[in-house]
Amino acid sequence: MEIKSKVGSRIREIREKNGISQKDLSYTADLDRSYIASVENGQRNISIVNLEKIAKALKVNLSELFQGV
């Protein structure tokens, strides 16, 4: 599994654990819902800026998005 898929799966895991929908995450992170979906599916080469937005929206440290990756 490549890094994009691993990080995307980790984002999905954290989001679902916290009961947050893709729509709510996208709103809080100021990103499009389809962008969140493509990140979670490992289809996007996500920038560090957007990783930070997602981490803040999920209320986790940026490093938590890489745990187990």
PDB file of N, CA and C in Angstrom:
ATOM      1  N   MET A   1       0.857  -1.182   0.000  1.00  0.00           N
ATOM      2  CA  MET A   1       0.000   0.000   0.000  1.00  0.00           C
ATOM      3  C   MET A   1       0.898   1.238   0.000  1.00  0.00           C
ATOM      4  N   GLU A   2       0.605   2.183  -0.863  1.00  0.00           N
ATOM      5  CA  GLU A   2       1.435   3.377  -0.937  1.00  0.00           C
ATOM      6  C   GLU A   2       1.035   4.404   0.120  1.00  0.00           C
ATOM      7  N   ILE A   3       1.899   5.366   0.322  1.00  0.00           N
ATOM      8  CA  ILE A   3       1.732   6.348   1.401  1.00  0.00           C
ATOM      9  C   ILE A   3       0.415   7.122   1.290  1.00  0.00           C
ATOM     10  N   LYS A   4      -0.011   7.478   0.066  1.00  0.00           N
ATOM     11  CA  LYS A   4      -1.267   8.223  -0.089  1.00  0.00           C
ATOM     12  C   LYS A   4      -2.443   7.417   0.464  1.00  0.00           C
ATOM     13  N   SER A   5      -2.452   6.125   0.201  1.00  0.00           N
ATOM     14  CA  SER A   5      -3.535   5.268   0.692  1.00  0.00           C
ATOM     15  C   SER A   5      -3.467   5.095   2.202  1.00  0.00           C
ATOM     16  N   LYS A   6      -2.263   4.969   2.730  1.00  0.00           N
ATOM     17  CA  LYS A   6      -2.095   4.794   4.173  1.00  0.00           C
ATOM     18  C   LYS A   6      -2.563   6.032   4.941  1.00  0.00           C
ATOM     19  N   VAL A   7      -2.143   7.198   4.474  1.00  0.00           N
ATOM     20  CA  VAL A   7      -2.546   8.439   5.141  1.00  0.00           C
ATOM     21  C   VAL A   7      -4.057   8.636   4.996  1.00  0.00           C
ATOM     22  N   GLY A   8      -4.582   8.386   3.820  1.00  0.00           N
ATOM     23  CA  GLY A   8      -6.024   8.512   3.601  1.00  0.00           C
ATOM     24  C   GLY A   8      -6.828   7.592   4.503  1.00  0.00           C
ATOM     25  N   SER A   9      -6.367   6.363   4.653  1.00  0.00           N
ATOM     26  CA  SER A   9      -7.047   5.413   5.544  1.00  0.00           C
ATOM     27  C   SER A   9      -6.991   5.883   6.992  1.00  0.00           C
ATOM     28  N   ARG A  10      -5.864   6.457   7.370  1.00  0.00           N
ATOM     29  CA  ARG A  10      -5.713   6.967   8.745  1.00  0.00           C
ATOM     30  C   ARG A  10      -6.656   8.139   8.996  1.00  0.00           C
ATOM     31  N   ILE A  11      -6.790   9.030   8.011  1.00  0.00           N
ATOM     32  CA  ILE A  11      -7.716  10.155   8.142  1.00  0.00           C
ATOM     33  C   ILE A  11      -9.138   9.635   8.292  1.00  0.00           C
ATOM     34  N   ARG A  12      -9.526   8.668   7.453  1.00  0.00           N
ATOM     35  CA  ARG A  12     -10.861   8.077   7.536  1.00  0.00           C
ATOM     36  C   ARG A  12     -11.089   7.437   8.909  1.00  0.00           C
ATOM     37  N   GLU A  13     -10.082   6.707   9.387  1.00  0.00           N
ATOM     38  CA  GLU A  13     -10.180   6.040  10.689  1.00  0.00           C
ATOM     39  C   GLU A  13     -10.454   7.046  11.809  1.00  0.00           C
ATOM     40  N   ILE A  14      -9.697   8.126  11.839  1.00  0.00           N
ATOM     41  CA  ILE A  14      -9.869   9.151  12.872  1.00  0.00           C
ATOM     42  C   ILE A  14     -11.228   9.826  12.725  1.00  0.00           C
ATOM     43  N   ARG A  15     -11.596  10.156  11.495  1.00  0.00           N
ATOM     44  CA  ARG A  15     -12.873  10.824  11.243  1.00  0.00           C
ATOM     45  C   ARG A  15     -14.042   9.956  11.709  1.00  0.00           C
ATOM     46  N   GLU A  16     -14.033   8.695  11.333  1.00  0.00           N
ATOM     47  CA  GLU A  16     -15.135   7.801  11.714  1.00  0.00           C
ATOM     48  C   GLU A  16     -15.152   7.540  13.216  1.00  0.00           C
ATOM     49  N   LYS A  17     -13.976   7.411  13.825  1.00  0.00           N
ATOM     50  CA  LYS A  17     -13.886   7.194  15.271  1.00  0.00           C
ATOM     51  C   LYS A  17     -14.540   8.342  16.031  1.00  0.00           C
ATOM     52  N   ASN A  18     -14.422   9.554  15.476  1.00  0.00           N
ATOM     53  CA  ASN A  18     -14.987  10.736  16.114  1.00  0.00           C
ATOM     54  C   ASN A  18     -16.399  11.053  15.643  1.00  0.00           C
ATOM     55  N   GLY A  19     -16.970  10.195  14.802  1.00  0.00           N
ATOM     56  CA  GLY A  19     -18.350  10.379  14.349  1.00  0.00           C
ATOM     57  C   GLY A  19     -18.548  11.602  13.473  1.00  0.00           C
ATOM     58  N   ILE A  20     -17.533  11.939  12.679  1.00  0.00           N
ATOM     59  CA  ILE A  20     -17.594  13.118  11.816  1.00  0.00           C
ATOM     60  C   ILE A  20     -17.844  12.661  10.376  1.00  0.00           C
ATOM     61  N   SER A  21     -18.776  13.291   9.702  1.00  0.00           N
ATOM     62  CA  SER A  21     -19.033  12.963   8.298  1.00  0.00           C
ATOM     63  C   SER A  21     -17.998  13.651   7.412  1.00  0.00           C
ATOM     64  N   GLN A  22     -17.863  13.159   6.191  1.00  0.00           N
ATOM     65  CA  GLN A  22     -16.972  13.820   5.233  1.00  0.00           C
ATOM     66  C   GLN A  22     -17.433  15.254   4.999  1.00  0.00           C
ATOM     67  N   LYS A  23     -18.740  15.442   4.946  1.00  0.00           N
ATOM     68  CA  LYS A  23     -19.294  16.783   4.727  1.00  0.00           C
ATOM     69  C   LYS A  23     -18.883  17.722   5.856  1.00  0.00           C
ATOM     70  N   ASP A  24     -19.027  17.271   7.098  1.00  0.00           N
ATOM     71  CA  ASP A  24     -18.651  18.116   8.242  1.00  0.00           C
ATOM     72  C   ASP A  24     -17.152  18.380   8.281  1.00  0.00           C
ATOM     73  N   LEU A  25     -16.360  17.366   7.969  1.00  0.00           N
ATOM     74  CA  LEU A  25     -14.910  17.547   7.939  1.00  0.00           C
ATOM     75  C   LEU A  25     -14.526  18.550   6.861  1.00  0.00           C
ATOM     76  N   SER A  26     -15.119  18.416   5.698  1.00  0.00           N
ATOM     77  CA  SER A  26     -14.782  19.331   4.605  1.00  0.00           C
ATOM     78  C   SER A  26     -15.147  20.773   4.959  1.00  0.00           C
ATOM     79  N   TYR A  27     -16.283  20.957   5.625  1.00  0.00           N
ATOM     80  CA  TYR A  27     -16.706  22.299   6.033  1.00  0.00           C
ATOM     81  C   TYR A  27     -15.729  22.893   7.044  1.00  0.00           C
ATOM     82  N   THR A  28     -15.379  22.118   8.049  1.00  0.00           N
ATOM     83  CA  THR A  28     -14.489  22.592   9.107  1.00  0.00           C
ATOM     84  C   THR A  28     -13.081  22.860   8.578  1.00  0.00           C
ATOM     85  N   ALA A  29     -12.626  22.015   7.656  1.00  0.00           N
ATOM     86  CA  ALA A  29     -11.279  22.164   7.102  1.00  0.00           C
ATOM     87  C   ALA A  29     -11.228  23.135   5.925  1.00  0.00           C
ATOM     88  N   ASP A  30     -12.391  23.620   5.505  1.00  0.00           N
ATOM     89  CA  ASP A  30     -12.491  24.529   4.362  1.00  0.00           C
ATOM     90  C   ASP A  30     -11.934  23.879   3.085  1.00  0.00           C
ATOM     91  N   LEU A  31     -12.351  22.627   2.876  1.00  0.00           N
ATOM     92  CA  LEU A  31     -11.980  21.875   1.682  1.00  0.00           C
ATOM     93  C   LEU A  31     -13.248  21.267   1.092  1.00  0.00           C
ATOM     94  N   ASP A  32     -13.228  20.948  -0.181  1.00  0.00           N
ATOM     95  CA  ASP A  32     -14.386  20.350  -0.835  1.00  0.00           C
ATOM     96  C   ASP A  32     -14.590  18.908  -0.366  1.00  0.00           C
ATOM     97  N   ARG A  33     -15.849  18.490  -0.223  1.00  0.00           N
ATOM     98  CA  ARG A  33     -16.137  17.133   0.223  1.00  0.00           C
ATOM     99  C   ARG A  33     -15.547  16.089  -0.725  1.00  0.00           C
ATOM    100  N   SER A  34     -15.592  16.350  -2.019  1.00  0.00           N
ATOM    101  CA  SER A  34     -15.032  15.390  -2.979  1.00  0.00           C
ATOM    102  C   SER A  34     -13.505  15.298  -2.832  1.00  0.00           C
ATOM    103  N   TYR A  35     -12.884  16.388  -2.388  1.00  0.00           N
ATOM    104  CA  TYR A  35     -11.445  16.369  -2.129  1.00  0.00           C
ATOM    105  C   TYR A  35     -11.149  15.445  -0.940  1.00  0.00           C
ATOM    106  N   ILE A  36     -11.936  15.575   0.119  1.00  0.00           N
ATOM    107  CA  ILE A  36     -11.767  14.711   1.299  1.00  0.00           C
ATOM    108  C   ILE A  36     -11.930  13.252   0.894  1.00  0.00           C
ATOM    109  N   ALA A  37     -12.943  12.964   0.095  1.00  0.00           N
ATOM    110  CA  ALA A  37     -13.191  11.586  -0.356  1.00  0.00           C
ATOM    111  C   ALA A  37     -12.003  11.052  -1.150  1.00  0.00           C
ATOM    112  N   SER A  38     -11.465  11.869  -2.036  1.00  0.00           N
ATOM    113  CA  SER A  38     -10.340  11.407  -2.858  1.00  0.00           C
ATOM    114  C   SER A  38      -9.071  11.233  -2.022  1.00  0.00           C
ATOM    115  N   VAL A  39      -8.901  12.042  -0.981  1.00  0.00           N
ATOM    116  CA  VAL A  39      -7.766  11.861  -0.065  1.00  0.00           C
ATOM    117  C   VAL A  39      -7.922  10.544   0.679  1.00  0.00           C
ATOM    118  N   GLU A  40      -9.103  10.309   1.228  1.00  0.00           N
ATOM    119  CA  GLU A  40      -9.334   9.076   1.984  1.00  0.00           C
ATOM    120  C   GLU A  40      -9.192   7.829   1.118  1.00  0.00           C
ATOM    121  N   ASN A  41      -9.463   7.967  -0.167  1.00  0.00           N
ATOM    122  CA  ASN A  41      -9.337   6.830  -1.088  1.00  0.00           C
ATOM    123  C   ASN A  41      -7.936   6.695  -1.676  1.00  0.00           C
ATOM    124  N   GLY A  42      -7.010   7.547  -1.237  1.00  0.00           N
ATOM    125  CA  GLY A  42      -5.625   7.466  -1.698  1.00  0.00           C
ATOM    126  C   GLY A  42      -5.428   7.937  -3.120  1.00  0.00           C
ATOM    127  N   GLN A  43      -6.330   8.760  -3.614  1.00  0.00           N
ATOM    128  CA  GLN A  43      -6.252   9.231  -4.994  1.00  0.00           C
ATOM    129  C   GLN A  43      -5.599  10.604  -5.115  1.00  0.00           C
ATOM    130  N   ARG A  44      -5.317  11.253  -4.018  1.00  0.00           N
ATOM    131  CA  ARG A  44      -4.749  12.604  -4.032  1.00  0.00           C
ATOM    132  C   ARG A  44      -3.356  12.610  -3.427  1.00  0.00           C
ATOM    133  N   ASN A  45      -2.495  13.409  -4.015  1.00  0.00           N
ATOM    134  CA  ASN A  45      -1.192  13.698  -3.437  1.00  0.00           C
ATOM    135  C   ASN A  45      -1.384  14.968  -2.617  1.00  0.00           C
ATOM    136  N   ILE A  46      -1.787  14.814  -1.385  1.00  0.00           N
ATOM    137  CA  ILE A  46      -2.226  15.919  -0.533  1.00  0.00           C
ATOM    138  C   ILE A  46      -1.044  16.783  -0.094  1.00  0.00           C
ATOM    139  N   SER A  47      -1.264  18.085  -0.073  1.00  0.00           N
ATOM    140  CA  SER A  47      -0.212  19.018   0.355  1.00  0.00           C
ATOM    141  C   SER A  47      -0.138  19.059   1.878  1.00  0.00           C
ATOM    142  N   ILE A  48       0.991  19.513   2.369  1.00  0.00           N
ATOM    143  CA  ILE A  48       1.176  19.648   3.810  1.00  0.00           C
ATOM    144  C   ILE A  48       0.218  20.682   4.380  1.00  0.00           C
ATOM    145  N   VAL A  49      -0.110  21.700   3.609  1.00  0.00           N
ATOM    146  CA  VAL A  49      -1.060  22.730   4.050  1.00  0.00           C
ATOM    147  C   VAL A  49      -2.438  22.097   4.288  1.00  0.00           C
ATOM    148  N   ASN A  50      -2.886  21.259   3.355  1.00  0.00           N
ATOM    149  CA  ASN A  50      -4.190  20.616   3.512  1.00  0.00           C
ATOM    150  C   ASN A  50      -4.165  19.531   4.591  1.00  0.00           C
ATOM    151  N   LEU A  51      -3.029  18.877   4.765  1.00  0.00           N
ATOM    152  CA  LEU A  51      -2.916  17.925   5.880  1.00  0.00           C
ATOM    153  C   LEU A  51      -3.090  18.648   7.212  1.00  0.00           C
ATOM    154  N   GLU A  52      -2.510  19.829   7.305  1.00  0.00           N
ATOM    155  CA  GLU A  52      -2.642  20.612   8.536  1.00  0.00           C
ATOM    156  C   GLU A  52      -4.095  21.038   8.761  1.00  0.00           C
ATOM    157  N   LYS A  53      -4.781  21.455   7.705  1.00  0.00           N
ATOM    158  CA  LYS A  53      -6.195  21.834   7.819  1.00  0.00           C
ATOM    159  C   LYS A  53      -7.021  20.660   8.314  1.00  0.00           C
ATOM    160  N   ILE A  54      -6.776  19.482   7.770  1.00  0.00           N
ATOM    161  CA  ILE A  54      -7.523  18.285   8.157  1.00  0.00           C
ATOM    162  C   ILE A  54      -7.219  17.920   9.605  1.00  0.00           C
ATOM    163  N   ALA A  55      -5.944  17.968   9.990  1.00  0.00           N
ATOM    164  CA  ALA A  55      -5.567  17.658  11.376  1.00  0.00           C
ATOM    165  C   ALA A  55      -6.258  18.604  12.351  1.00  0.00           C
ATOM    166  N   LYS A  56      -6.265  19.894  12.041  1.00  0.00           N
ATOM    167  CA  LYS A  56      -6.933  20.863  12.913  1.00  0.00           C
ATOM    168  C   LYS A  56      -8.428  20.593  12.985  1.00  0.00           C
ATOM    169  N   ALA A  57      -9.035  20.277  11.850  1.00  0.00           N
ATOM    170  CA  ALA A  57     -10.471  20.005  11.826  1.00  0.00           C
ATOM    171  C   ALA A  57     -10.814  18.749  12.624  1.00  0.00           C
ATOM    172  N   LEU A  58      -9.899  17.778  12.634  1.00  0.00           N
ATOM    173  CA  LEU A  58     -10.106  16.545  13.399  1.00  0.00           C
ATOM    174  C   LEU A  58      -9.653  16.692  14.849  1.00  0.00           C
ATOM    175  N   LYS A  59      -9.044  17.843  15.165  1.00  0.00           N
ATOM    176  CA  LYS A  59      -8.546  18.141  16.506  1.00  0.00           C
ATOM    177  C   LYS A  59      -7.489  17.130  16.967  1.00  0.00           C
ATOM    178  N   VAL A  60      -6.550  16.854  16.043  1.00  0.00           N
ATOM    179  CA  VAL A  60      -5.428  15.968  16.349  1.00  0.00           C
ATOM    180  C   VAL A  60      -4.140  16.659  15.915  1.00  0.00           C
ATOM    181  N   ASN A  61      -3.020  16.195  16.455  1.00  0.00           N
ATOM    182  CA  ASN A  61      -1.717  16.687  16.006  1.00  0.00           C
ATOM    183  C   ASN A  61      -1.449  16.145  14.614  1.00  0.00           C
ATOM    184  N   LEU A  62      -0.724  16.895  13.836  1.00  0.00           N
ATOM    185  CA  LEU A  62      -0.383  16.476  12.486  1.00  0.00           C
ATOM    186  C   LEU A  62       0.281  15.095  12.490  1.00  0.00           C
ATOM    187  N   SER A  63       1.115  14.849  13.487  1.00  0.00           N
ATOM    188  CA  SER A  63       1.825  13.563  13.562  1.00  0.00           C
ATOM    189  C   SER A  63       0.871  12.381  13.712  1.00  0.00           C
ATOM    190  N   GLU A  64      -0.309  12.603  14.284  1.00  0.00           N
ATOM    191  CA  GLU A  64      -1.275  11.512  14.462  1.00  0.00           C
ATOM    192  C   GLU A  64      -1.795  10.986  13.127  1.00  0.00           C
ATOM    193  N   LEU A  65      -1.734  11.808  12.092  1.00  0.00           N
ATOM    194  CA  LEU A  65      -2.183  11.355  10.767  1.00  0.00           C
ATOM    195  C   LEU A  65      -1.217  10.349  10.175  1.00  0.00           C
ATOM    196  N   PHE A  66      -0.017  10.258  10.751  1.00  0.00           N
ATOM    197  CA  PHE A  66       1.017   9.340  10.239  1.00  0.00           C
ATOM    198  C   PHE A  66       1.260   8.142  11.143  1.00  0.00           C
ATOM    199  N   GLN A  67       0.515   8.020  12.230  1.00  0.00           N
ATOM    200  CA  GLN A  67       0.710   6.875  13.130  1.00  0.00           C
ATOM    201  C   GLN A  67       0.362   5.577  12.410  1.00  0.00           C
ATOM    202  N   GLY A  68       1.276   4.653  12.467  1.00  0.00           N
ATOM    203  CA  GLY A  68       1.048   3.353  11.844  1.00  0.00           C
ATOM    204  C   GLY A  68       1.265   3.332  10.347  1.00  0.00           C
ATOM    205  N   VAL A  69       1.708   4.467   9.797  1.00  0.00           N
ATOM    206  CA  VAL A  69       1.898   4.559   8.334  1.00  0.00           C
ATOM    207  C   VAL A  69       3.240   4.086   7.993  1.00  0.00           C
TER     208      VAL A  69
END
